[in-house]
C-alpha cells in the first residue's frame, strides 16, 4: 500500500464534499472544477443510499489556501474549532444538569 492509499485510511485525513463546503466555504461547483482539473483526488461513497465524495483534507486545504490565502484558511479552521467547542460545552452543560438532578434525588432519598 503506498502513501496515498494509507492517507485514505487515516482518521481525519479525509472529509466529505459537504463538510469541505461547511468548513472551508467551498461550493459544490468549485469542488467539481478542482476534481476535473486534477487538483483534488476523490473517492465515491454513499450512506443510506445518499452519494457523497470523500476528499483528502490536505488537498482541500491547499486549494483553499491557493484560492483565498493562508489567513482565510486559519480563520475558517478557528471558526470550525470554535463551533465544535461550543457544541461540546452545550453537551456537557446538559450532562451536568442531568447529573445534578440525579444527585439531588439520591440525596433526598437518603434523607428520608
PDB file of N, CA and C in Angstrom:
ATOM      1  N   UNK A   1       0.855  -1.175   0.000  1.00  0.00           N
ATOM      2  CA  UNK A   1       0.000   0.000   0.000  1.00  0.00           C
ATOM      3  C   UNK A   1       0.905   1.244   0.000  1.00  0.00           C
ATOM      4  N   UNK A   2       0.676   2.152  -0.913  1.00  0.00           N
ATOM      5  CA  UNK A   2       1.518   3.344  -0.963  1.00  0.00           C
ATOM      6  C   UNK A   2       0.972   4.440  -0.052  1.00  0.00           C
ATOM      7  N   UNK A   3       1.687   5.572   0.001  1.00  0.00           N
ATOM      8  CA  UNK A   3       1.329   6.653   0.921  1.00  0.00           C
ATOM      9  C   UNK A   3      -0.069   7.199   0.675  1.00  0.00           C
ATOM     10  N   UNK A   4      -0.448   7.334  -0.609  1.00  0.00           N
ATOM     11  CA  UNK A   4      -1.767   7.884  -0.924  1.00  0.00           C
ATOM     12  C   UNK A   4      -2.874   6.966  -0.418  1.00  0.00           C
ATOM     13  N   UNK A   5      -2.697   5.654  -0.605  1.00  0.00           N
ATOM     14  CA  UNK A   5      -3.710   4.718  -0.115  1.00  0.00           C
ATOM     15  C   UNK A   5      -3.815   4.748   1.405  1.00  0.00           C
ATOM     16  N   UNK A   6      -2.682   4.830   2.083  1.00  0.00           N
ATOM     17  CA  UNK A   6      -2.728   4.856   3.543  1.00  0.00           C
ATOM     18  C   UNK A   6      -3.349   6.162   4.041  1.00  0.00           C
ATOM     19  N   UNK A   7      -3.190   7.220   3.266  1.00  0.00           N
ATOM     20  CA  UNK A   7      -3.791   8.502   3.663  1.00  0.00           C
ATOM     21  C   UNK A   7      -5.318   8.421   3.655  1.00  0.00           C
ATOM     22  N   UNK A   8      -5.867   7.655   2.739  1.00  0.00           N
ATOM     23  CA  UNK A   8      -7.322   7.491   2.675  1.00  0.00           C
ATOM     24  C   UNK A   8      -7.851   6.767   3.902  1.00  0.00           C
ATOM     25  N   UNK A   9      -7.006   5.975   4.545  1.00  0.00           N
ATOM     26  CA  UNK A   9      -7.425   5.184   5.705  1.00  0.00           C
ATOM     27  C   UNK A   9      -7.229   5.911   7.031  1.00  0.00           C
ATOM     28  N   UNK A  10      -6.365   6.929   7.047  1.00  0.00           N
ATOM     29  CA  UNK A  10      -6.025   7.608   8.297  1.00  0.00           C
ATOM     30  C   UNK A  10      -7.179   8.472   8.800  1.00  0.00           C
ATOM     31  N   UNK A  11      -7.451   8.377  10.089  1.00  0.00           N
ATOM     32  CA  UNK A  11      -8.530   9.141  10.704  1.00  0.00           C
ATOM     33  C   UNK A  11      -8.262  10.640  10.574  1.00  0.00           C
ATOM     34  N   UNK A  12      -9.255  11.374  10.095  1.00  0.00           N
ATOM     35  CA  UNK A  12      -9.150  12.817   9.969  1.00  0.00           C
ATOM     36  C   UNK A  12      -8.482  13.292   8.693  1.00  0.00           C
ATOM     37  N   UNK A  13      -7.944  12.364   7.891  1.00  0.00           N
ATOM     38  CA  UNK A  13      -7.246  12.755   6.663  1.00  0.00           C
ATOM     39  C   UNK A  13      -8.207  13.009   5.513  1.00  0.00           C
ATOM     40  N   UNK A  14      -9.442  12.531   5.650  1.00  0.00           N
ATOM     41  CA  UNK A  14     -10.432  12.741   4.597  1.00  0.00           C
ATOM     42  C   UNK A  14     -11.634  13.489   5.151  1.00  0.00           C
ATOM     43  N   UNK A  15     -12.394  14.046   4.248  1.00  0.00           N
ATOM     44  CA  UNK A  15     -13.646  14.694   4.612  1.00  0.00           C
ATOM     45  C   UNK A  15     -14.586  14.615   3.424  1.00  0.00           C
ATOM     46  N   UNK A  16     -15.850  14.811   3.673  1.00  0.00           N
ATOM     47  CA  UNK A  16     -16.827  14.745   2.591  1.00  0.00           C
ATOM     48  C   UNK A  16     -16.870  16.072   1.847  1.00  0.00           C
ATOM     49  N   UNK A  17     -17.441  16.033   0.661  1.00  0.00           N
ATOM     50  CA  UNK A  17     -17.601  17.271  -0.105  1.00  0.00           C
ATOM     51  C   UNK A  17     -18.507  18.244   0.633  1.00  0.00           C
ATOM     52  N   UNK A  18     -19.482  17.731   1.350  1.00  0.00           N
ATOM     53  CA  UNK A  18     -20.387  18.594   2.123  1.00  0.00           C
ATOM     54  C   UNK A  18     -19.641  19.267   3.272  1.00  0.00           C
ATOM     55  N   UNK A  19     -18.797  18.505   3.969  1.00  0.00           N
ATOM     56  CA  UNK A  19     -18.015  19.070   5.062  1.00  0.00           C
ATOM     57  C   UNK A  19     -17.012  20.094   4.544  1.00  0.00           C
ATOM     58  N   UNK A  20     -16.421  19.831   3.386  1.00  0.00           N
ATOM     59  CA  UNK A  20     -15.488  20.791   2.784  1.00  0.00           C
ATOM     60  C   UNK A  20     -16.196  22.114   2.517  1.00  0.00           C
ATOM     61  N   UNK A  21     -17.448  22.035   2.115  1.00  0.00           N
ATOM     62  CA  UNK A  21     -18.224  23.256   1.896  1.00  0.00           C
ATOM     63  C   UNK A  21     -18.485  24.002   3.187  1.00  0.00           C
ATOM     64  N   UNK A  22     -18.844  23.263   4.235  1.00  0.00           N
ATOM     65  CA  UNK A  22     -19.147  23.900   5.521  1.00  0.00           C
ATOM     66  C   UNK A  22     -17.900  24.452   6.196  1.00  0.00           C
ATOM     67  N   UNK A  23     -16.829  23.658   6.227  1.00  0.00           N
ATOM     68  CA  UNK A  23     -15.625  24.046   6.968  1.00  0.00           C
ATOM     69  C   UNK A  23     -14.780  25.080   6.226  1.00  0.00           C
ATOM     70  N   UNK A  24     -14.752  24.999   4.902  1.00  0.00           N
ATOM     71  CA  UNK A  24     -13.828  25.841   4.145  1.00  0.00           C
ATOM     72  C   UNK A  24     -14.514  26.808   3.187  1.00  0.00           C
ATOM     73  N   UNK A  25     -15.832  26.793   3.155  1.00  0.00           N
ATOM     74  CA  UNK A  25     -16.554  27.743   2.323  1.00  0.00           C
ATOM     75  C   UNK A  25     -16.483  27.453   0.836  1.00  0.00           C
ATOM     76  N   UNK A  26     -16.225  26.208   0.458  1.00  0.00           N
ATOM     77  CA  UNK A  26     -16.185  25.851  -0.955  1.00  0.00           C
ATOM     78  C   UNK A  26     -17.579  25.499  -1.449  1.00  0.00           C
ATOM     79  N   UNK A  27     -17.875  25.869  -2.672  1.00  0.00           N
ATOM     80  CA  UNK A  27     -19.138  25.470  -3.272  1.00  0.00           C
ATOM     81  C   UNK A  27     -18.956  24.110  -3.943  1.00  0.00           C
ATOM     82  N   UNK A  28     -20.053  23.436  -4.213  1.00  0.00           N
ATOM     83  CA  UNK A  28     -20.002  22.146  -4.892  1.00  0.00           C
ATOM     84  C   UNK A  28     -19.369  22.310  -6.272  1.00  0.00           C
ATOM     85  N   UNK A  29     -19.671  23.420  -6.927  1.00  0.00           N
ATOM     86  CA  UNK A  29     -19.125  23.695  -8.253  1.00  0.00           C
ATOM     87  C   UNK A  29     -17.602  23.846  -8.204  1.00  0.00           C
ATOM     88  N   UNK A  30     -17.090  24.538  -7.187  1.00  0.00           N
ATOM     89  CA  UNK A  30     -15.640  24.701  -7.031  1.00  0.00           C
ATOM     90  C   UNK A  30     -14.967  23.350  -6.796  1.00  0.00           C
ATOM     91  N   UNK A  31     -15.609  22.499  -6.028  1.00  0.00           N
ATOM     92  CA  UNK A  31     -15.061  21.169  -5.750  1.00  0.00           C
ATOM     93  C   UNK A  31     -15.003  20.351  -7.031  1.00  0.00           C
ATOM     94  N   UNK A  32     -16.082  20.370  -7.797  1.00  0.00           N
ATOM     95  CA  UNK A  32     -16.133  19.604  -9.050  1.00  0.00           C
ATOM     96  C   UNK A  32     -15.087  20.125 -10.036  1.00  0.00           C
ATOM     97  N   UNK A  33     -14.952  21.445 -10.142  1.00  0.00           N
ATOM     98  CA  UNK A  33     -13.947  22.015 -11.048  1.00  0.00           C
ATOM     99  C   UNK A  33     -12.534  21.612 -10.637  1.00  0.00           C
ATOM    100  N   UNK A  34     -12.258  21.613  -9.331  1.00  0.00           N
ATOM    101  CA  UNK A  34     -10.935  21.215  -8.841  1.00  0.00           C
ATOM    102  C   UNK A  34     -10.671  19.732  -9.113  1.00  0.00           C
ATOM    103  N   UNK A  35     -11.688  18.900  -9.000  1.00  0.00           N
ATOM    104  CA  UNK A  35     -11.545  17.472  -9.311  1.00  0.00           C
ATOM    105  C   UNK A  35     -11.223  17.304 -10.786  1.00  0.00           C
ATOM    106  N   UNK A  36     -11.981  17.993 -11.647  1.00  0.00           N
ATOM    107  CA  UNK A  36     -11.760  17.890 -13.093  1.00  0.00           C
ATOM    108  C   UNK A  36     -10.394  18.425 -13.501  1.00  0.00           C
ATOM    109  N   UNK A  37      -9.888  19.417 -12.765  1.00  0.00           N
ATOM    110  CA  UNK A  37      -8.569  19.986 -13.057  1.00  0.00           C
ATOM    111  C   UNK A  37      -7.441  19.136 -12.469  1.00  0.00           C
ATOM    112  N   UNK A  38      -7.799  18.108 -11.712  1.00  0.00           N
ATOM    113  CA  UNK A  38      -6.791  17.233 -11.126  1.00  0.00           C
ATOM    114  C   UNK A  38      -6.195  17.760  -9.831  1.00  0.00           C
ATOM    115  N   UNK A  39      -6.803  18.783  -9.247  1.00  0.00           N
ATOM    116  CA  UNK A  39      -6.282  19.360  -8.006  1.00  0.00           C
ATOM    117  C   UNK A  39      -6.770  18.604  -6.769  1.00  0.00           C
ATOM    118  N   UNK A  40      -7.877  17.895  -6.901  1.00  0.00           N
ATOM    119  CA  UNK A  40      -8.429  17.114  -5.793  1.00  0.00           C
ATOM    120  C   UNK A  40      -8.621  15.663  -6.224  1.00  0.00           C
ATOM    121  N   UNK A  41      -8.160  14.742  -5.398  1.00  0.00           N
ATOM    122  CA  UNK A  41      -8.488  13.331  -5.588  1.00  0.00           C
ATOM    123  C   UNK A  41      -9.783  13.070  -4.829  1.00  0.00           C
ATOM    124  N   UNK A  42     -10.531  12.109  -5.270  1.00  0.00           N
ATOM    125  CA  UNK A  42     -11.776  11.796  -4.572  1.00  0.00           C
ATOM    126  C   UNK A  42     -12.070  10.312  -4.677  1.00  0.00           C
ATOM    127  N   UNK A  43     -12.918   9.877  -3.806  1.00  0.00           N
ATOM    128  CA  UNK A  43     -13.465   8.526  -3.859  1.00  0.00           C
ATOM    129  C   UNK A  43     -14.959   8.654  -3.622  1.00  0.00           C
ATOM    130  N   UNK A  44     -15.708   7.900  -4.391  1.00  0.00           N
ATOM    131  CA  UNK A  44     -17.159   7.939  -4.241  1.00  0.00           C
ATOM    132  C   UNK A  44     -17.566   7.061  -3.063  1.00  0.00           C
ATOM    133  N   UNK A  45     -18.556   7.533  -2.335  1.00  0.00           N
ATOM    134  CA  UNK A  45     -19.087   6.785  -1.201  1.00  0.00           C
ATOM    135  C   UNK A  45     -20.586   7.065  -1.126  1.00  0.00           C
ATOM    136  N   UNK A  46     -21.274   6.272  -0.345  1.00  0.00           N
ATOM    137  CA  UNK A  46     -22.688   6.555  -0.112  1.00  0.00           C
ATOM    138  C   UNK A  46     -23.074   6.010   1.243  1.00  0.00           C
ATOM    139  N   UNK A  47     -24.049   6.686   1.846  1.00  0.00           N
ATOM    140  CA  UNK A  47     -24.544   6.275   3.143  1.00  0.00           C
ATOM    141  C   UNK A  47     -26.061   6.342   3.086  1.00  0.00           C
ATOM    142  N   UNK A  48     -26.707   5.252   3.415  1.00  0.00           N
ATOM    143  CA  UNK A  48     -28.161   5.162   3.377  1.00  0.00           C
ATOM    144  C   UNK A  48     -28.691   5.574   2.006  1.00  0.00           C
ATOM    145  N   UNK A  49     -27.953   5.208   0.966  1.00  0.00           N
ATOM    146  CA  UNK A  49     -28.377   5.492  -0.395  1.00  0.00           C
ATOM    147  C   UNK A  49     -28.063   6.895  -0.882  1.00  0.00           C
ATOM    148  N   UNK A  50     -27.434   7.713  -0.049  1.00  0.00           N
ATOM    149  CA  UNK A  50     -27.094   9.081  -0.447  1.00  0.00           C
ATOM    150  C   UNK A  50     -25.621   9.150  -0.843  1.00  0.00           C
ATOM    151  N   UNK A  51     -25.345   9.490  -2.105  1.00  0.00           N
ATOM    152  CA  UNK A  51     -23.947   9.534  -2.552  1.00  0.00           C
ATOM    153  C   UNK A  51     -23.231  10.789  -2.058  1.00  0.00           C
ATOM    154  N   UNK A  52     -21.922  10.655  -1.827  1.00  0.00           N
ATOM    155  CA  UNK A  52     -21.085  11.790  -1.464  1.00  0.00           C
ATOM    156  C   UNK A  52     -19.659  11.492  -1.893  1.00  0.00           C
ATOM    157  N   UNK A  53     -18.834  12.512  -1.898  1.00  0.00           N
ATOM    158  CA  UNK A  53     -17.450  12.370  -2.322  1.00  0.00           C
ATOM    159  C   UNK A  53     -16.524  12.478  -1.111  1.00  0.00           C
ATOM    160  N   UNK A  54     -15.585  11.555  -0.999  1.00  0.00           N
ATOM    161  CA  UNK A  54     -14.536  11.651   0.028  1.00  0.00           C
ATOM    162  C   UNK A  54     -13.364  12.379  -0.597  1.00  0.00           C
ATOM    163  N   UNK A  55     -12.884  13.381   0.083  1.00  0.00           N
ATOM    164  CA  UNK A  55     -11.767  14.190  -0.396  1.00  0.00           C
ATOM    165  C   UNK A  55     -10.632  14.127   0.615  1.00  0.00           C
ATOM    166  N   UNK A  56      -9.413  14.345   0.137  1.00  0.00           N
ATOM    167  CA  UNK A  56      -8.271  14.406   1.038  1.00  0.00           C
ATOM    168  C   UNK A  56      -8.187  15.806   1.643  1.00  0.00           C
ATOM    169  N   UNK A  57      -8.167  15.863   2.960  1.00  0.00           N
ATOM    170  CA  UNK A  57      -8.179  17.148   3.665  1.00  0.00           C
ATOM    171  C   UNK A  57      -6.997  18.029   3.264  1.00  0.00           C
ATOM    172  N   UNK A  58      -5.804  17.461   3.129  1.00  0.00           N
ATOM    173  CA  UNK A  58      -4.638  18.284   2.788  1.00  0.00           C
ATOM    174  C   UNK A  58      -4.787  18.926   1.409  1.00  0.00           C
ATOM    175  N   UNK A  59      -5.421  18.214   0.474  1.00  0.00           N
ATOM    176  CA  UNK A  59      -5.638  18.787  -0.857  1.00  0.00           C
ATOM    177  C   UNK A  59      -6.681  19.896  -0.815  1.00  0.00           C
ATOM    178  N   UNK A  60      -7.725  19.709  -0.013  1.00  0.00           N
ATOM    179  CA  UNK A  60      -8.751  20.749   0.133  1.00  0.00           C
ATOM    180  C   UNK A  60      -8.131  21.991   0.761  1.00  0.00           C
ATOM    181  N   UNK A  61      -7.313  21.796   1.795  1.00  0.00           N
ATOM    182  CA  UNK A  61      -6.659  22.934   2.447  1.00  0.00           C
ATOM    183  C   UNK A  61      -5.706  23.653   1.495  1.00  0.00           C
ATOM    184  N   UNK A  62      -4.992  22.898   0.663  1.00  0.00           N
ATOM    185  CA  UNK A  62      -4.090  23.520  -0.324  1.00  0.00           C
ATOM    186  C   UNK A  62      -4.891  24.328  -1.341  1.00  0.00           C
ATOM    187  N   UNK A  63      -6.043  23.804  -1.762  1.00  0.00           N
ATOM    188  CA  UNK A  63      -6.903  24.521  -2.711  1.00  0.00           C
ATOM    189  C   UNK A  63      -7.427  25.814  -2.099  1.00  0.00           C
ATOM    190  N   UNK A  64      -7.876  25.753  -0.863  1.00  0.00           N
ATOM    191  CA  UNK A  64      -8.411  26.934  -0.183  1.00  0.00           C
ATOM    192  C   UNK A  64      -7.303  27.966   0.036  1.00  0.00           C
ATOM    193  N   UNK A  65      -6.134  27.515   0.427  1.00  0.00           N
ATOM    194  CA  UNK A  65      -5.006  28.428   0.626  1.00  0.00           C
ATOM    195  C   UNK A  65      -4.643  29.131  -0.676  1.00  0.00           C
ATOM    196  N   UNK A  66      -4.613  28.387  -1.767  1.00  0.00           N
ATOM    197  CA  UNK A  66      -4.277  28.972  -3.072  1.00  0.00           C
ATOM    198  C   UNK A  66      -5.342  29.974  -3.519  1.00  0.00           C
ATOM    199  N   UNK A  67      -6.578  29.638  -3.243  1.00  0.00           N
ATOM    200  CA  UNK A  67      -7.682  30.488  -3.711  1.00  0.00           C
ATOM    201  C   UNK A  67      -7.871  31.726  -2.837  1.00  0.00           C
ATOM    202  N   UNK A  68      -7.842  31.554  -1.505  1.00  0.00           N
ATOM    203  CA  UNK A  68      -8.184  32.642  -0.589  1.00  0.00           C
ATOM    204  C   UNK A  68      -7.015  33.141   0.265  1.00  0.00           C
ATOM    205  N   UNK A  69      -5.934  32.389   0.315  1.00  0.00           N
ATOM    206  CA  UNK A  69      -4.797  32.785   1.139  1.00  0.00           C
ATOM    207  C   UNK A  69      -4.753  32.032   2.452  1.00  0.00           C
ATOM    208  N   UNK A  70      -3.574  32.052   3.073  1.00  0.00           N
ATOM    209  CA  UNK A  70      -3.336  31.303   4.303  1.00  0.00           C
ATOM    210  C   UNK A  70      -4.158  31.847   5.472  1.00  0.00           C
ATOM    211  N   UNK A  71      -4.334  33.164   5.529  1.00  0.00           N
ATOM    212  CA  UNK A  71      -5.106  33.759   6.630  1.00  0.00           C
ATOM    213  C   UNK A  71      -6.553  33.275   6.614  1.00  0.00           C
ATOM    214  N   UNK A  72      -7.154  33.196   5.438  1.00  0.00           N
ATOM    215  CA  UNK A  72      -8.537  32.722   5.304  1.00  0.00           C
ATOM    216  C   UNK A  72      -8.652  31.304   5.845  1.00  0.00           C
ATOM    217  N   UNK A  73      -7.689  30.454   5.491  1.00  0.00           N
ATOM    218  CA  UNK A  73      -7.713  29.073   5.960  1.00  0.00           C
ATOM    219  C   UNK A  73      -7.643  29.015   7.479  1.00  0.00           C
ATOM    220  N   UNK A  74      -6.764  29.800   8.082  1.00  0.00           N
ATOM    221  CA  UNK A  74      -6.630  29.820   9.542  1.00  0.00           C
ATOM    222  C   UNK A  74      -7.915  30.303  10.212  1.00  0.00           C
ATOM    223  N   UNK A  75      -8.550  31.314   9.638  1.00  0.00           N
ATOM    224  CA  UNK A  75      -9.808  31.833  10.193  1.00  0.00           C
ATOM    225  C   UNK A  75     -10.891  30.769  10.110  1.00  0.00           C
ATOM    226  N   UNK A  76     -10.996  30.103   8.967  1.00  0.00           N
ATOM    227  CA  UNK A  76     -12.015  29.061   8.796  1.00  0.00           C
ATOM    228  C   UNK A  76     -11.781  27.913   9.776  1.00  0.00           C
ATOM    229  N   UNK A  77     -10.526  27.515   9.945  1.00  0.00           N
ATOM    230  CA  UNK A  77     -10.223  26.430  10.883  1.00  0.00           C
ATOM    231  C   UNK A  77     -10.553  26.840  12.318  1.00  0.00           C
ATOM    232  N   UNK A  78     -10.270  28.086  12.662  1.00  0.00           N
ATOM    233  CA  UNK A  78     -10.585  28.575  14.009  1.00  0.00           C
ATOM    234  C   UNK A  78     -12.094  28.599  14.235  1.00  0.00           C
ATOM    235  N   UNK A  79     -12.854  29.040  13.237  1.00  0.00           N
ATOM    236  CA  UNK A  79     -14.315  29.064  13.353  1.00  0.00           C
ATOM    237  C   UNK A  79     -14.869  27.653  13.534  1.00  0.00           C
ATOM    238  N   UNK A  80     -14.336  26.710  12.772  1.00  0.00           N
ATOM    239  CA  UNK A  80     -14.796  25.328  12.870  1.00  0.00           C
ATOM    240  C   UNK A  80     -14.483  24.756  14.248  1.00  0.00           C
ATOM    241  N   UNK A  81     -13.269  25.011  14.736  1.00  0.00           N
ATOM    242  CA  UNK A  81     -12.892  24.512  16.060  1.00  0.00           C
ATOM    243  C   UNK A  81     -13.751  25.151  17.149  1.00  0.00           C
ATOM    244  N   UNK A  82     -14.005  26.445  17.026  1.00  0.00           N
ATOM    245  CA  UNK A  82     -14.844  27.147  17.997  1.00  0.00           C
ATOM    246  C   UNK A  82     -16.260  26.568  18.019  1.00  0.00           C
ATOM    247  N   UNK A  83     -16.799  26.257  16.849  1.00  0.00           N
ATOM    248  CA  UNK A  83     -18.120  25.640  16.783  1.00  0.00           C
ATOM    249  C   UNK A  83     -18.144  24.293  17.482  1.00  0.00           C
ATOM    250  N   UNK A  84     -17.092  23.501  17.291  1.00  0.00           N
ATOM    251  CA  UNK A  84     -17.004  22.201  17.953  1.00  0.00           C
ATOM    252  C   UNK A  84     -16.904  22.342  19.458  1.00  0.00           C
ATOM    253  N   UNK A  85     -16.133  23.317  19.908  1.00  0.00           N
ATOM    254  CA  UNK A  85     -16.001  23.573  21.346  1.00  0.00           C
ATOM    255  C   UNK A  85     -17.338  23.995  21.936  1.00  0.00           C
ATOM    256  N   UNK A  86     -18.047  24.874  21.254  1.00  0.00           N
ATOM    257  CA  UNK A  86     -19.360  25.324  21.741  1.00  0.00           C
ATOM    258  C   UNK A  86     -20.357  24.175  21.820  1.00  0.00           C
ATOM    259  N   UNK A  87     -20.341  23.290  20.808  1.00  0.00           N
ATOM    260  CA  UNK A  87     -21.226  22.119  20.838  1.00  0.00           C
ATOM    261  C   UNK A  87     -20.891  21.223  22.026  1.00  0.00           C
ATOM    262  N   UNK A  88     -19.599  20.995  22.257  1.00  0.00           N
ATOM    263  CA  UNK A  88     -19.177  20.143  23.367  1.00  0.00           C
ATOM    264  C   UNK A  88     -19.559  20.766  24.711  1.00  0.00           C
ATOM    265  N   UNK A  89     -19.379  22.077  24.850  1.00  0.00           N
ATOM    266  CA  UNK A  89     -19.769  22.757  26.093  1.00  0.00           C
ATOM    267  C   UNK A  89     -21.267  22.623  26.345  1.00  0.00           C
ATOM    268  N   UNK A  90     -22.060  22.776  25.296  1.00  0.00           N
ATOM    269  CA  UNK A  90     -23.510  22.641  25.443  1.00  0.00           C
ATOM    270  C   UNK A  90     -23.870  21.224  25.877  1.00  0.00           C
ATOM    271  N   UNK A  91     -23.214  20.238  25.268  1.00  0.00           N
ATOM    272  CA  UNK A  91     -23.473  18.841  25.631  1.00  0.00           C
ATOM    273  C   UNK A  91     -23.095  18.587  27.089  1.00  0.00           C
ATOM    274  N   UNK A  92     -21.955  19.118  27.497  1.00  0.00           N
ATOM    275  CA  UNK A  92     -21.507  18.916  28.873  1.00  0.00           C
ATOM    276  C   UNK A  92     -22.416  19.619  29.883  1.00  0.00           C
ATOM    277  N   UNK A  93     -22.918  20.812  29.541  1.00  0.00           N
ATOM    278  CA  UNK A  93     -23.843  21.517  30.438  1.00  0.00           C
ATOM    279  C   UNK A  93     -25.112  20.703  30.633  1.00  0.00           C
ATOM    280  N   UNK A  94     -25.602  20.121  29.553  1.00  0.00           N
ATOM    281  CA  UNK A  94     -26.794  19.279  29.640  1.00  0.00           C
ATOM    282  C   UNK A  94     -26.511  18.065  30.517  1.00  0.00           C
ATOM    283  N   UNK A  95     -25.344  17.460  30.340  1.00  0.00           N
ATOM    284  CA  UNK A  95     -24.973  16.293  31.133  1.00  0.00           C
ATOM    285  C   UNK A  95     -24.836  16.650  32.604  1.00  0.00           C
ATOM    286  N   UNK A  96     -24.242  17.802  32.900  1.00  0.00           N
ATOM    287  CA  UNK A  96     -24.098  18.251  34.290  1.00  0.00           C
ATOM    288  C   UNK A  96     -25.473  18.452  34.919  1.00  0.00           C
ATOM    289  N   UNK A  97     -26.405  19.052  34.185  1.00  0.00           N
ATOM    290  CA  UNK A  97     -27.754  19.279  34.705  1.00  0.00           C
ATOM    291  C   UNK A  97     -28.435  17.959  35.047  1.00  0.00           C
ATOM    292  N   UNK A  98     -28.276  16.958  34.177  1.00  0.00           N
ATOM    293  CA  UNK A  98     -28.870  15.647  34.441  1.00  0.00           C
ATOM    294  C   UNK A  98     -28.246  15.020  35.682  1.00  0.00           C
ATOM    295  N   UNK A  99     -26.926  15.121  35.797  1.00  0.00           N
ATOM    296  CA  UNK A  99     -26.249  14.547  36.959  1.00  0.00           C
ATOM    297  C   UNK A  99     -26.623  15.275  38.249  1.00  0.00           C
ATOM    298  N   UNK A 100     -26.751  16.589  38.205  1.00  0.00           N
ATOM    299  CA  UNK A 100     -27.159  17.360  39.383  1.00  0.00           C
ATOM    300  C   UNK A 100     -28.559  16.955  39.831  1.00  0.00           C
ATOM    301  N   UNK A 101     -29.439  16.746  38.869  1.00  0.00           N
ATOM    302  CA  UNK A 101     -30.806  16.327  39.185  1.00  0.00           C
ATOM    303  C   UNK A 101     -30.799  14.946  39.836  1.00  0.00           C
ATOM    304  N   UNK A 102     -30.003  14.038  39.286  1.00  0.00           N
ATOM    305  CA  UNK A 102     -29.899  12.681  39.843  1.00  0.00           C
ATOM    306  C   UNK A 102     -29.304  12.732  41.255  1.00  0.00           C
ATOM    307  N   UNK A 103     -28.283  13.569  41.448  1.00  0.00           N
ATOM    308  CA  UNK A 103     -27.652  13.726  42.755  1.00  0.00           C
ATOM    309  C   UNK A 103     -28.661  14.228  43.785  1.00  0.00           C
ATOM    310  N   UNK A 104     -29.456  15.230  43.406  1.00  0.00           N
ATOM    311  CA  UNK A 104     -30.463  15.792  44.310  1.00  0.00           C
ATOM    312  C   UNK A 104     -31.482  14.734  44.697  1.00  0.00           C
ATOM    313  N   UNK A 105     -31.892  13.903  43.730  1.00  0.00           N
ATOM    314  CA  UNK A 105     -32.866  12.854  44.017  1.00  0.00           C
ATOM    315  C   UNK A 105     -32.281  11.827  44.970  1.00  0.00           C
ATOM    316  N   UNK A 106     -31.029  11.410  44.726  1.00  0.00           N
ATOM    317  CA  UNK A 106     -30.395  10.448  45.617  1.00  0.00           C
ATOM    318  C   UNK A 106     -30.207  10.998  47.021  1.00  0.00           C
ATOM    319  N   UNK A 107     -29.832  12.256  47.140  1.00  0.00           N
ATOM    320  CA  UNK A 107     -29.656  12.858  48.459  1.00  0.00           C
ATOM    321  C   UNK A 107     -30.992  12.978  49.174  1.00  0.00           C
ATOM    322  N   UNK A 108     -32.057  13.278  48.436  1.00  0.00           N
ATOM    323  CA  UNK A 108     -33.376  13.352  49.046  1.00  0.00           C
ATOM    324  C   UNK A 108     -33.810  11.966  49.545  1.00  0.00           C
ATOM    325  N   UNK A 109     -33.510  10.929  48.742  1.00  0.00           N
ATOM    326  CA  UNK A 109     -33.850   9.561  49.128  1.00  0.00           C
ATOM    327  C   UNK A 109     -33.072   9.138  50.383  1.00  0.00           C
ATOM    328  N   UNK A 110     -31.825   9.583  50.497  1.00  0.00           N
ATOM    329  CA  UNK A 110     -31.012   9.250  51.669  1.00  0.00           C
ATOM    330  C   UNK A 110     -31.509   9.961  52.920  1.00  0.00           C
ATOM    331  N   UNK A 111     -32.076  11.150  52.721  1.00  0.00           N
ATOM    332  CA  UNK A 111     -32.564  11.937  53.850  1.00  0.00           C
ATOM    333  C   UNK A 111     -33.843  11.399  54.436  1.00  0.00           C
ATOM    334  N   UNK A 112     -34.556  10.561  53.696  1.00  0.00           N
ATOM    335  CA  UNK A 112     -35.839  10.050  54.223  1.00  0.00           C
ATOM    336  C   UNK A 112     -35.708   8.722  54.897  1.00  0.00           C
TER     337      UNK A 112
END
